[in-house]
Amino acid sequence: MNFHKVISGFFFILAMTLNFGFFYGNPEVLAEHSKYELFAAIVVNLIATILKFGDKTQVGSVLLATSLVADIQLIASASVWGISLYGLGGLGIESSSAIISLSGGALLANITSVVIFVGDTLKSKR
């Protein structure tokens, strides 16, 4: 068993499930989406990105690209939340929808990453 693959897979799947936990719910009701879960998703996605830096293969570069996309979209989601709440004076339906939509894009990138990771793992020889 490859310990690095176990740790990497753990963080890739944890990042995806945390992102899904934040994304799931009515996009117009921001109370259904926890800011702490968004923060946890950002932190775990950043850890997953750091774990992908050492891989020099073609699959590793695609995994890194998907992780960077997820990081950018989650950070943008948190930025929209902060700017709307503190800079513009409140969260409306438009900003709530933008926050959830950005996290949905990150979720899609995380799903892509996990599918590629599992496919590469199944393809590799023992």
N, C-alpha and C. Protein backbone atom coordinates (compact mmCIF):
# COMPACT_ATOMS: atom_id res chain seq x y z
N MET A 1 0.84 -1.17 0.00
CA MET A 1 0.00 0.00 0.00
C MET A 1 0.89 1.24 0.00
N ASN A 2 0.56 2.20 -0.84
CA ASN A 2 1.32 3.44 -0.96
C ASN A 2 0.72 4.47 0.00
N PHE A 3 1.49 4.80 1.05
CA PHE A 3 0.98 5.71 2.08
C PHE A 3 0.68 7.10 1.52
N HIS A 4 1.50 7.57 0.58
CA HIS A 4 1.26 8.89 -0.03
C HIS A 4 -0.07 8.91 -0.78
N LYS A 5 -0.38 7.82 -1.48
CA LYS A 5 -1.66 7.74 -2.20
C LYS A 5 -2.84 7.74 -1.23
N VAL A 6 -2.68 7.09 -0.09
CA VAL A 6 -3.74 7.05 0.92
C VAL A 6 -4.01 8.46 1.46
N ILE A 7 -2.96 9.16 1.83
CA ILE A 7 -3.11 10.51 2.38
C ILE A 7 -3.66 11.45 1.30
N SER A 8 -3.13 11.35 0.09
CA SER A 8 -3.62 12.21 -1.00
C SER A 8 -5.08 11.94 -1.29
N GLY A 9 -5.44 10.68 -1.42
CA GLY A 9 -6.83 10.32 -1.68
C GLY A 9 -7.75 10.79 -0.58
N PHE A 10 -7.30 10.69 0.66
CA PHE A 10 -8.10 11.16 1.79
C PHE A 10 -8.42 12.65 1.65
N PHE A 11 -7.41 13.45 1.36
CA PHE A 11 -7.63 14.89 1.27
C PHE A 11 -8.43 15.27 0.02
N PHE A 12 -8.24 14.55 -1.10
CA PHE A 12 -9.00 14.83 -2.31
C PHE A 12 -10.49 14.58 -2.07
N ILE A 13 -10.79 13.45 -1.44
CA ILE A 13 -12.19 13.10 -1.20
C ILE A 13 -12.79 13.97 -0.10
N LEU A 14 -12.01 14.29 0.93
CA LEU A 14 -12.51 15.18 1.98
C LEU A 14 -12.81 16.57 1.42
N ALA A 15 -11.94 17.06 0.54
CA ALA A 15 -12.19 18.36 -0.09
C ALA A 15 -13.49 18.35 -0.88
N MET A 16 -13.72 17.26 -1.62
CA MET A 16 -14.94 17.16 -2.42
C MET A 16 -16.18 17.09 -1.53
N THR A 17 -16.13 16.28 -0.47
CA THR A 17 -17.31 16.13 0.37
C THR A 17 -17.61 17.39 1.18
N LEU A 18 -16.58 18.08 1.64
CA LEU A 18 -16.82 19.35 2.34
C LEU A 18 -17.43 20.39 1.40
N ASN A 19 -16.93 20.41 0.17
CA ASN A 19 -17.47 21.34 -0.82
C ASN A 19 -18.92 21.00 -1.12
N PHE A 20 -19.24 19.71 -1.25
CA PHE A 20 -20.62 19.31 -1.49
C PHE A 20 -21.51 19.70 -0.32
N GLY A 21 -21.01 19.51 0.90
CA GLY A 21 -21.78 19.88 2.08
C GLY A 21 -22.13 21.36 2.09
N PHE A 22 -21.21 22.19 1.65
CA PHE A 22 -21.50 23.62 1.58
C PHE A 22 -22.45 23.93 0.42
N PHE A 23 -22.26 23.28 -0.71
CA PHE A 23 -23.03 23.57 -1.92
C PHE A 23 -24.49 23.14 -1.80
N TYR A 24 -24.75 22.03 -1.11
CA TYR A 24 -26.08 21.45 -1.06
C TYR A 24 -27.04 22.35 -0.29
N GLY A 25 -28.16 22.66 -0.88
CA GLY A 25 -29.18 23.48 -0.25
C GLY A 25 -29.72 24.52 -1.20
N ASN A 26 -30.68 25.27 -0.75
CA ASN A 26 -31.31 26.30 -1.56
C ASN A 26 -30.32 27.46 -1.77
N PRO A 27 -29.99 27.80 -3.01
CA PRO A 27 -29.01 28.86 -3.24
C PRO A 27 -29.50 30.25 -2.82
N GLU A 28 -30.79 30.42 -2.68
CA GLU A 28 -31.32 31.73 -2.30
C GLU A 28 -31.35 31.93 -0.79
N VAL A 29 -31.13 30.87 -0.03
CA VAL A 29 -31.17 30.96 1.43
C VAL A 29 -29.76 30.65 1.94
N LEU A 30 -29.00 31.69 2.21
CA LEU A 30 -27.61 31.52 2.61
C LEU A 30 -27.49 30.93 4.02
N ALA A 31 -28.57 30.98 4.79
CA ALA A 31 -28.54 30.40 6.13
C ALA A 31 -28.38 28.88 6.08
N GLU A 32 -28.69 28.26 4.94
CA GLU A 32 -28.53 26.82 4.77
C GLU A 32 -27.08 26.43 4.45
N HIS A 33 -26.22 27.41 4.27
CA HIS A 33 -24.83 27.17 3.89
C HIS A 33 -23.91 27.78 4.95
N SER A 34 -23.16 26.92 5.61
CA SER A 34 -22.33 27.36 6.74
C SER A 34 -21.04 28.02 6.27
N LYS A 35 -20.75 29.18 6.84
CA LYS A 35 -19.48 29.86 6.52
C LYS A 35 -18.30 29.06 7.04
N TYR A 36 -18.50 28.30 8.11
CA TYR A 36 -17.43 27.47 8.65
C TYR A 36 -17.13 26.30 7.73
N GLU A 37 -18.16 25.76 7.09
CA GLU A 37 -17.95 24.68 6.15
C GLU A 37 -17.23 25.18 4.90
N LEU A 38 -17.54 26.41 4.47
CA LEU A 38 -16.82 27.01 3.35
C LEU A 38 -15.35 27.20 3.72
N PHE A 39 -15.09 27.68 4.91
CA PHE A 39 -13.71 27.85 5.37
C PHE A 39 -12.97 26.52 5.41
N ALA A 40 -13.63 25.48 5.94
CA ALA A 40 -13.01 24.16 6.00
C ALA A 40 -12.74 23.64 4.59
N ALA A 41 -13.66 23.86 3.66
CA ALA A 41 -13.47 23.42 2.28
C ALA A 41 -12.27 24.12 1.65
N ILE A 42 -12.11 25.41 1.93
CA ILE A 42 -10.96 26.16 1.40
C ILE A 42 -9.66 25.60 1.96
N VAL A 43 -9.60 25.39 3.26
CA VAL A 43 -8.37 24.90 3.89
C VAL A 43 -8.00 23.51 3.38
N VAL A 44 -8.98 22.60 3.31
CA VAL A 44 -8.69 21.24 2.85
C VAL A 44 -8.33 21.24 1.37
N ASN A 45 -8.96 22.10 0.56
CA ASN A 45 -8.58 22.20 -0.85
C ASN A 45 -7.16 22.70 -1.00
N LEU A 46 -6.74 23.65 -0.18
CA LEU A 46 -5.37 24.14 -0.23
C LEU A 46 -4.38 23.04 0.16
N ILE A 47 -4.72 22.23 1.16
CA ILE A 47 -3.87 21.11 1.55
C ILE A 47 -3.77 20.10 0.40
N ALA A 48 -4.92 19.81 -0.23
CA ALA A 48 -4.92 18.88 -1.37
C ALA A 48 -4.07 19.42 -2.52
N THR A 49 -4.10 20.73 -2.73
CA THR A 49 -3.28 21.33 -3.78
C THR A 49 -1.80 21.17 -3.47
N ILE A 50 -1.42 21.38 -2.23
CA ILE A 50 -0.02 21.22 -1.83
C ILE A 50 0.44 19.78 -2.04
N LEU A 51 -0.43 18.82 -1.76
CA LEU A 51 -0.08 17.41 -1.96
C LEU A 51 0.12 17.07 -3.43
N LYS A 52 -0.49 17.84 -4.32
CA LYS A 52 -0.39 17.55 -5.76
C LYS A 52 0.86 18.16 -6.40
N PHE A 53 1.60 19.00 -5.69
CA PHE A 53 2.76 19.66 -6.27
C PHE A 53 3.91 18.71 -6.59
N GLY A 54 4.06 17.62 -5.86
CA GLY A 54 5.20 16.74 -6.07
C GLY A 54 5.09 15.81 -7.26
N ASP A 55 3.91 15.65 -7.82
CA ASP A 55 3.70 14.69 -8.91
C ASP A 55 4.15 15.29 -10.24
N LYS A 56 5.10 14.62 -10.91
CA LYS A 56 5.66 15.13 -12.16
C LYS A 56 5.06 14.47 -13.40
N THR A 57 4.02 13.67 -13.23
CA THR A 57 3.42 12.97 -14.37
C THR A 57 2.40 13.87 -15.07
N GLN A 58 1.94 13.40 -16.23
CA GLN A 58 0.90 14.12 -16.97
C GLN A 58 -0.40 14.16 -16.17
N VAL A 59 -0.75 13.05 -15.54
CA VAL A 59 -1.95 12.99 -14.71
C VAL A 59 -1.80 13.95 -13.52
N GLY A 60 -0.60 14.02 -12.97
CA GLY A 60 -0.35 14.93 -11.85
C GLY A 60 -0.57 16.38 -12.22
N SER A 61 -0.20 16.75 -13.44
CA SER A 61 -0.40 18.15 -13.86
C SER A 61 -1.89 18.45 -14.06
N VAL A 62 -2.65 17.47 -14.53
CA VAL A 62 -4.10 17.68 -14.66
C VAL A 62 -4.75 17.75 -13.28
N LEU A 63 -4.30 16.90 -12.36
CA LEU A 63 -4.83 16.96 -10.99
C LEU A 63 -4.52 18.31 -10.34
N LEU A 64 -3.32 18.82 -10.56
CA LEU A 64 -2.96 20.12 -10.02
C LEU A 64 -3.82 21.22 -10.62
N ALA A 65 -4.07 21.14 -11.91
CA ALA A 65 -4.91 22.15 -12.57
C ALA A 65 -6.33 22.15 -12.00
N THR A 66 -6.91 20.97 -11.81
CA THR A 66 -8.27 20.91 -11.25
C THR A 66 -8.29 21.44 -9.83
N SER A 67 -7.25 21.16 -9.08
CA SER A 67 -7.19 21.64 -7.71
C SER A 67 -7.04 23.17 -7.65
N LEU A 68 -6.24 23.72 -8.55
CA LEU A 68 -6.10 25.18 -8.59
C LEU A 68 -7.40 25.86 -8.97
N VAL A 69 -8.15 25.25 -9.88
CA VAL A 69 -9.46 25.80 -10.26
C VAL A 69 -10.38 25.80 -9.05
N ALA A 70 -10.42 24.69 -8.31
CA ALA A 70 -11.27 24.62 -7.12
C ALA A 70 -10.85 25.66 -6.08
N ASP A 71 -9.54 25.82 -5.88
CA ASP A 71 -9.05 26.82 -4.92
C ASP A 71 -9.49 28.23 -5.30
N ILE A 72 -9.31 28.57 -6.56
CA ILE A 72 -9.66 29.92 -7.02
C ILE A 72 -11.15 30.17 -6.86
N GLN A 73 -11.97 29.18 -7.20
CA GLN A 73 -13.41 29.39 -7.11
C GLN A 73 -13.89 29.45 -5.66
N LEU A 74 -13.31 28.65 -4.78
CA LEU A 74 -13.71 28.72 -3.38
C LEU A 74 -13.26 30.03 -2.73
N ILE A 75 -12.06 30.48 -3.07
CA ILE A 75 -11.59 31.76 -2.53
C ILE A 75 -12.44 32.90 -3.09
N ALA A 76 -12.81 32.81 -4.35
CA ALA A 76 -13.70 33.83 -4.94
C ALA A 76 -15.06 33.81 -4.25
N SER A 77 -15.55 32.64 -3.93
CA SER A 77 -16.83 32.52 -3.23
C SER A 77 -16.77 33.20 -1.86
N ALA A 78 -15.70 32.93 -1.11
CA ALA A 78 -15.54 33.57 0.20
C ALA A 78 -15.35 35.07 0.05
N SER A 79 -14.67 35.50 -1.01
CA SER A 79 -14.46 36.93 -1.25
C SER A 79 -15.78 37.63 -1.55
N VAL A 80 -16.60 37.01 -2.38
CA VAL A 80 -17.92 37.60 -2.68
C VAL A 80 -18.74 37.70 -1.40
N TRP A 81 -18.68 36.69 -0.56
CA TRP A 81 -19.41 36.70 0.70
C TRP A 81 -18.92 37.86 1.58
N GLY A 82 -17.62 37.98 1.73
CA GLY A 82 -17.07 39.04 2.58
C GLY A 82 -17.34 40.43 2.03
N ILE A 83 -17.15 40.62 0.73
CA ILE A 83 -17.38 41.93 0.12
C ILE A 83 -18.85 42.32 0.19
N SER A 84 -19.73 41.35 -0.07
CA SER A 84 -21.16 41.64 -0.02
C SER A 84 -21.61 41.96 1.40
N LEU A 85 -21.12 41.21 2.36
CA LEU A 85 -21.56 41.39 3.74
C LEU A 85 -20.99 42.66 4.37
N TYR A 86 -19.69 42.89 4.18
CA TYR A 86 -19.05 44.00 4.88
C TYR A 86 -18.83 45.23 4.00
N GLY A 87 -18.71 45.04 2.69
CA GLY A 87 -18.46 46.17 1.81
C GLY A 87 -19.71 46.79 1.24
N LEU A 88 -20.69 45.94 0.92
CA LEU A 88 -21.91 46.43 0.29
C LEU A 88 -23.08 46.51 1.25
N GLY A 89 -22.88 46.10 2.47
CA GLY A 89 -23.90 46.29 3.48
C GLY A 89 -24.89 45.16 3.65
N GLY A 90 -24.75 44.08 2.97
CA GLY A 90 -25.67 42.96 3.18
C GLY A 90 -25.65 41.97 2.04
N LEU A 91 -26.22 40.81 2.33
CA LEU A 91 -26.26 39.74 1.35
C LEU A 91 -27.64 39.69 0.72
N GLY A 92 -27.69 39.86 -0.60
CA GLY A 92 -28.93 39.73 -1.33
C GLY A 92 -29.00 38.39 -2.04
N ILE A 93 -30.07 38.19 -2.77
CA ILE A 93 -30.25 36.95 -3.51
C ILE A 93 -29.17 36.80 -4.58
N GLU A 94 -28.81 37.91 -5.23
CA GLU A 94 -27.80 37.85 -6.29
C GLU A 94 -26.44 37.42 -5.74
N SER A 95 -26.03 38.00 -4.62
CA SER A 95 -24.74 37.63 -4.06
C SER A 95 -24.77 36.21 -3.48
N SER A 96 -25.90 35.83 -2.89
CA SER A 96 -26.03 34.46 -2.38
C SER A 96 -25.92 33.45 -3.51
N SER A 97 -26.58 33.74 -4.62
CA SER A 97 -26.51 32.84 -5.77
C SER A 97 -25.10 32.77 -6.33
N ALA A 98 -24.39 33.89 -6.35
CA ALA A 98 -23.01 33.91 -6.85
C ALA A 98 -22.10 33.08 -5.94
N ILE A 99 -22.29 33.18 -4.64
CA ILE A 99 -21.48 32.42 -3.69
C ILE A 99 -21.67 30.92 -3.90
N ILE A 100 -22.91 30.51 -4.02
CA ILE A 100 -23.21 29.09 -4.18
C ILE A 100 -22.78 28.60 -5.57
N SER A 101 -22.96 29.43 -6.60
CA SER A 101 -22.55 29.04 -7.95
C SER A 101 -21.04 28.84 -8.04
N LEU A 102 -20.28 29.73 -7.41
CA LEU A 102 -18.82 29.57 -7.41
C LEU A 102 -18.40 28.30 -6.69
N SER A 103 -19.06 27.98 -5.59
CA SER A 103 -18.72 26.74 -4.90
C SER A 103 -19.15 25.53 -5.72
N GLY A 104 -20.20 25.67 -6.53
CA GLY A 104 -20.60 24.59 -7.43
C GLY A 104 -19.56 24.33 -8.50
N GLY A 105 -18.95 25.37 -9.01
CA GLY A 105 -17.86 25.20 -9.97
C GLY A 105 -16.67 24.50 -9.33
N ALA A 106 -16.37 24.87 -8.09
CA ALA A 106 -15.29 24.20 -7.36
C ALA A 106 -15.63 22.74 -7.12
N LEU A 107 -16.91 22.46 -6.84
CA LEU A 107 -17.33 21.07 -6.64
C LEU A 107 -17.12 20.25 -7.91
N LEU A 108 -17.45 20.83 -9.05
CA LEU A 108 -17.24 20.14 -10.32
C LEU A 108 -15.75 19.85 -10.55
N ALA A 109 -14.89 20.81 -10.21
CA ALA A 109 -13.44 20.60 -10.33
C ALA A 109 -12.98 19.50 -9.37
N ASN A 110 -13.54 19.47 -8.16
CA ASN A 110 -13.17 18.43 -7.20
C ASN A 110 -13.63 17.05 -7.67
N ILE A 111 -14.83 16.97 -8.23
CA ILE A 111 -15.32 15.69 -8.74
C ILE A 111 -14.41 15.20 -9.87
N THR A 112 -14.03 16.12 -10.76
CA THR A 112 -13.12 15.76 -11.85
C THR A 112 -11.80 15.24 -11.29
N SER A 113 -11.29 15.88 -10.27
CA SER A 113 -10.03 15.47 -9.66
C SER A 113 -10.13 14.08 -9.05
N VAL A 114 -11.21 13.82 -8.35
CA VAL A 114 -11.38 12.52 -7.71
C VAL A 114 -11.55 11.42 -8.76
N VAL A 115 -12.31 11.69 -9.82
CA VAL A 115 -12.49 10.70 -10.88
C VAL A 115 -11.15 10.37 -11.55
N ILE A 116 -10.36 11.40 -11.84
CA ILE A 116 -9.04 11.17 -12.45
C ILE A 116 -8.13 10.40 -11.49
N PHE A 117 -8.16 10.76 -10.22
CA PHE A 117 -7.33 10.08 -9.22
C PHE A 117 -7.71 8.61 -9.11
N VAL A 118 -8.99 8.32 -9.03
CA VAL A 118 -9.44 6.92 -8.92
C VAL A 118 -9.10 6.16 -10.20
N GLY A 119 -9.32 6.80 -11.36
CA GLY A 119 -8.97 6.15 -12.62
C GLY A 119 -7.50 5.84 -12.74
N ASP A 120 -6.66 6.76 -12.32
CA ASP A 120 -5.22 6.54 -12.35
C ASP A 120 -4.82 5.44 -11.38
N THR A 121 -5.47 5.40 -10.21
CA THR A 121 -5.17 4.37 -9.23
C THR A 121 -5.58 2.99 -9.75
N LEU A 122 -6.73 2.90 -10.39
CA LEU A 122 -7.17 1.62 -10.94
C LEU A 122 -6.31 1.17 -12.12
N LYS A 123 -5.80 2.12 -12.87
CA LYS A 123 -4.97 1.82 -14.03
C LYS A 123 -3.57 1.36 -13.64
N SER A 124 -3.06 1.85 -12.52
CA SER A 124 -1.69 1.54 -12.12
C SER A 124 -1.56 0.07 -11.73
N LYS A 125 -0.37 -0.46 -11.98
CA LYS A 125 -0.09 -1.86 -11.66
C LYS A 125 0.44 -1.96 -10.25
N ARG A 126 0.24 -3.12 -9.68
CA ARG A 126 0.70 -3.34 -8.29
C ARG A 126 2.16 -3.48 -8.22
